[in-house]
Amino acid sequence: MESFGKIGFMIALAFVVPTIALVLSRILQPRFSSASKSQTYECGIKPYGSAWVQFNIRY
């Protein structure tokens, strides 16, 4: 019966530790993002032109 207790403890620990990690990451995440963070590329160069370009796909 003692081995079942150890297994039950390990299973409970396997659920509790990731749950705590997920909750802490949700609490500690940044709340506000800037407009530059929502752009496609964060390299500092302003995007120009359209991304909708038709490519000729041939081999």
Protein backbone atom coordinates (compact mmCIF):
# COMPACT_ATOMS: atom_id res chain seq x y z
CA MET A 1 0.00 0.00 0.00
CA GLU A 2 2.95 2.28 0.65
CA SER A 3 4.09 2.06 -2.99
CA PHE A 4 0.64 3.20 -4.17
CA GLY A 5 0.97 6.28 -1.99
CA LYS A 6 4.31 7.11 -3.60
CA ILE A 7 2.88 6.63 -7.08
CA GLY A 8 -0.15 8.76 -6.22
CA PHE A 9 2.13 11.47 -4.86
CA MET A 10 4.22 11.45 -8.05
CA ILE A 11 1.10 11.64 -10.24
CA ALA A 12 -0.27 14.52 -8.19
CA LEU A 13 3.11 16.26 -8.39
CA ALA A 14 3.12 15.74 -12.17
CA PHE A 15 -0.13 17.71 -12.38
CA VAL A 16 0.59 20.35 -9.74
CA VAL A 17 4.03 21.52 -10.91
CA PRO A 18 3.03 22.32 -14.53
CA THR A 19 -0.18 23.94 -13.29
CA ILE A 20 1.80 26.22 -10.98
CA ALA A 21 4.20 27.05 -13.83
CA LEU A 22 1.31 27.96 -16.16
CA VAL A 23 -0.43 30.08 -13.54
CA LEU A 24 2.78 31.93 -12.65
CA SER A 25 3.56 32.61 -16.31
CA ARG A 26 0.05 33.99 -16.77
CA ILE A 27 0.41 36.25 -13.72
CA LEU A 28 3.92 37.48 -14.56
CA GLN A 29 3.42 38.08 -18.28
CA PRO A 30 3.65 41.62 -19.66
CA ARG A 31 0.22 43.24 -19.74
CA PHE A 32 0.64 45.77 -22.53
CA SER A 33 2.37 45.33 -25.85
CA SER A 34 3.60 48.14 -28.03
CA ALA A 35 2.62 48.71 -31.65
CA SER A 36 6.13 47.80 -32.79
CA LYS A 37 5.85 44.42 -31.09
CA SER A 38 2.79 43.51 -33.14
CA GLN A 39 4.55 44.17 -36.45
CA THR A 40 5.78 41.25 -38.50
CA TYR A 41 9.46 42.11 -38.17
CA GLU A 42 10.95 43.81 -35.14
CA CYS A 43 14.23 44.80 -36.83
CA GLY A 44 13.54 48.54 -36.65
CA ILE A 45 13.12 49.02 -40.40
CA LYS A 46 9.71 50.32 -41.44
CA PRO A 47 7.91 47.88 -43.75
CA TYR A 48 7.24 49.11 -47.26
CA GLY A 49 5.08 47.78 -50.06
CA SER A 50 2.56 45.01 -49.84
CA ALA A 51 3.20 41.49 -48.70
CA TRP A 52 0.65 40.20 -51.18
CA VAL A 53 2.90 39.34 -54.11
CA GLN A 54 2.04 36.65 -56.61
CA PHE A 55 4.92 34.25 -57.23
CA ASN A 56 5.37 32.19 -60.37
CA ILE A 57 5.85 28.67 -59.00
CA ARG A 58 7.77 26.54 -61.50
CA TYR A 59 10.64 24.13 -61.27
